[in-house]
Amino acid sequence: MPRISKLIGTFTSQEVSTLFKKAKRMRIHPGFDILCAPSDKDFGNILVITAGRIGKAHKRNLIRRRIKAIFYEQGLYKHRIDVIVIVKKQGLELPFEQLTLLLKKTMSLAGKKNG
């Protein structure tokens, strides 16, 4: 069995379409839209979407890695909530600490709404 850190960012195309149907918008931020849905698995997954038009590849990859690292290192996957993070241009400039706070607050809000 692969490590949990490898599993939390892995989706099949069927899982992605199902996730978009179930997900509810939890937070609208100038740099991000964050959608959440209850997970069918024993752990939460995260899907980070960065459009090519928001910046160069190295910046898009950096924000994607940061978001996934926060999700794993802060143990947010234990909430059993699947998360979709849609990154906007302003989100590329958000400091790591503010990004961490934003994700933690969103996950606690999603946890309260999901029971």
Protein backbone atom coordinates (compact mmCIF):
# COMPACT_ATOMS: atom_id res chain seq x y z
CA MET A 1 0.00 0.00 0.00
CA PRO A 2 1.42 3.42 -0.94
CA ARG A 3 2.04 6.02 1.73
CA ILE A 4 -0.84 8.32 2.62
CA SER A 5 1.14 11.33 1.35
CA LYS A 6 1.03 9.83 -2.15
CA LEU A 7 -2.67 8.91 -1.96
CA ILE A 8 -4.13 12.25 -0.85
CA GLY A 9 -3.58 13.95 -4.21
CA THR A 10 -4.53 11.05 -6.48
CA PHE A 11 -7.89 10.91 -8.24
CA THR A 12 -9.38 8.96 -11.12
CA SER A 13 -11.38 10.91 -13.69
CA GLN A 14 -14.58 9.31 -12.34
CA GLU A 15 -13.73 10.44 -8.80
CA VAL A 16 -13.10 13.99 -10.02
CA SER A 17 -16.46 14.24 -11.77
CA THR A 18 -18.25 12.79 -8.74
CA LEU A 19 -16.40 15.18 -6.44
CA PHE A 20 -17.43 18.22 -8.48
CA LYS A 21 -21.08 17.09 -8.32
CA LYS A 22 -21.01 16.66 -4.51
CA ALA A 23 -18.80 19.59 -3.55
CA LYS A 24 -20.12 22.76 -1.97
CA ARG A 25 -18.29 26.07 -2.03
CA MET A 26 -16.90 26.70 1.44
CA ARG A 27 -14.73 29.74 0.93
CA ILE A 28 -14.33 32.45 -1.67
CA HIS A 29 -11.05 34.32 -1.36
CA PRO A 30 -9.48 36.75 -3.86
CA GLY A 31 -6.82 34.11 -4.55
CA PHE A 32 -8.79 30.87 -4.17
CA ASP A 33 -12.13 29.15 -4.45
CA ILE A 34 -12.32 26.22 -2.04
CA LEU A 35 -14.95 23.51 -2.43
CA CYS A 36 -15.47 20.63 0.01
CA ALA A 37 -17.38 17.37 0.07
CA PRO A 38 -17.48 14.39 2.47
CA SER A 39 -14.97 11.72 1.50
CA ASP A 40 -15.92 8.16 0.61
CA LYS A 41 -12.54 6.94 1.86
CA ASP A 42 -10.95 6.73 5.29
CA PHE A 43 -9.03 9.94 4.57
CA GLY A 44 -9.58 13.22 2.76
CA ASN A 45 -8.16 14.00 -0.67
CA ILE A 46 -7.12 17.31 -2.17
CA LEU A 47 -7.35 18.43 -5.78
CA VAL A 48 -5.49 21.62 -6.68
CA ILE A 49 -6.44 23.30 -9.95
CA THR A 50 -4.12 25.93 -11.41
CA ALA A 51 -4.98 27.29 -14.85
CA GLY A 52 -2.12 27.96 -17.23
CA ARG A 53 -3.10 31.59 -17.64
CA ILE A 54 -2.45 32.55 -14.00
CA GLY A 55 1.33 32.36 -14.18
CA LYS A 56 4.42 30.50 -15.25
CA ALA A 57 4.77 26.78 -14.59
CA HIS A 58 7.23 27.11 -11.72
CA LYS A 59 4.83 29.39 -9.80
CA ARG A 60 1.85 27.11 -10.44
CA ASN A 61 3.86 24.08 -9.31
CA LEU A 62 5.08 25.89 -6.19
CA ILE A 63 1.56 26.79 -5.01
CA ARG A 64 0.36 23.26 -5.80
CA ARG A 65 3.19 21.74 -3.74
CA ARG A 66 2.58 24.16 -0.87
CA ILE A 67 -1.14 23.42 -0.67
CA LYS A 68 -0.58 19.66 -0.73
CA ALA A 69 2.19 19.92 1.88
CA ILE A 70 -0.05 21.90 4.22
CA PHE A 71 -2.89 19.41 3.73
CA TYR A 72 -0.58 16.54 4.66
CA GLU A 73 1.65 18.08 7.34
CA GLN A 74 -1.21 19.71 9.26
CA GLY A 75 -3.14 16.41 9.20
CA LEU A 76 -6.11 17.95 7.39
CA TYR A 77 -6.65 14.66 5.52
CA LYS A 78 -7.82 13.14 8.82
CA HIS A 79 -11.03 15.19 8.60
CA ARG A 80 -12.31 12.80 5.88
CA ILE A 81 -13.24 15.72 3.65
CA ASP A 82 -12.33 15.95 -0.03
CA VAL A 83 -11.18 19.42 -1.02
CA ILE A 84 -10.93 21.20 -4.36
CA VAL A 85 -8.74 24.30 -4.38
CA ILE A 86 -9.06 26.47 -7.49
CA VAL A 87 -6.11 28.85 -7.54
CA LYS A 88 -6.51 32.35 -8.98
CA LYS A 89 -3.74 34.78 -9.92
CA GLN A 90 -3.77 36.58 -6.54
CA GLY A 91 -3.29 33.23 -4.78
CA LEU A 92 0.19 32.81 -6.21
CA GLU A 93 1.48 35.65 -4.02
CA LEU A 94 -0.08 34.53 -0.70
CA PRO A 95 2.56 33.80 1.98
CA PHE A 96 2.83 30.24 3.30
CA GLU A 97 1.59 31.17 6.79
CA GLN A 98 -1.58 32.84 5.46
CA LEU A 99 -2.18 29.90 3.15
CA THR A 100 -1.91 27.55 6.13
CA LEU A 101 -4.42 29.59 8.15
CA LEU A 102 -6.83 29.78 5.21
CA LEU A 103 -6.83 26.00 4.71
CA LYS A 104 -7.13 25.23 8.42
CA LYS A 105 -10.08 27.61 8.86
CA THR A 106 -11.80 26.23 5.80
CA MET A 107 -11.37 22.64 6.97
CA SER A 108 -12.74 23.41 10.43
CA LEU A 109 -15.73 25.16 8.85
CA ALA A 110 -16.30 22.22 6.51
CA GLY A 111 -16.04 19.80 9.43
CA LYS A 112 -18.74 21.67 11.34
CA LYS A 113 -21.07 21.75 8.33
CA ASN A 114 -20.56 18.04 7.58
CA GLY A 115 -21.37 16.94 11.04
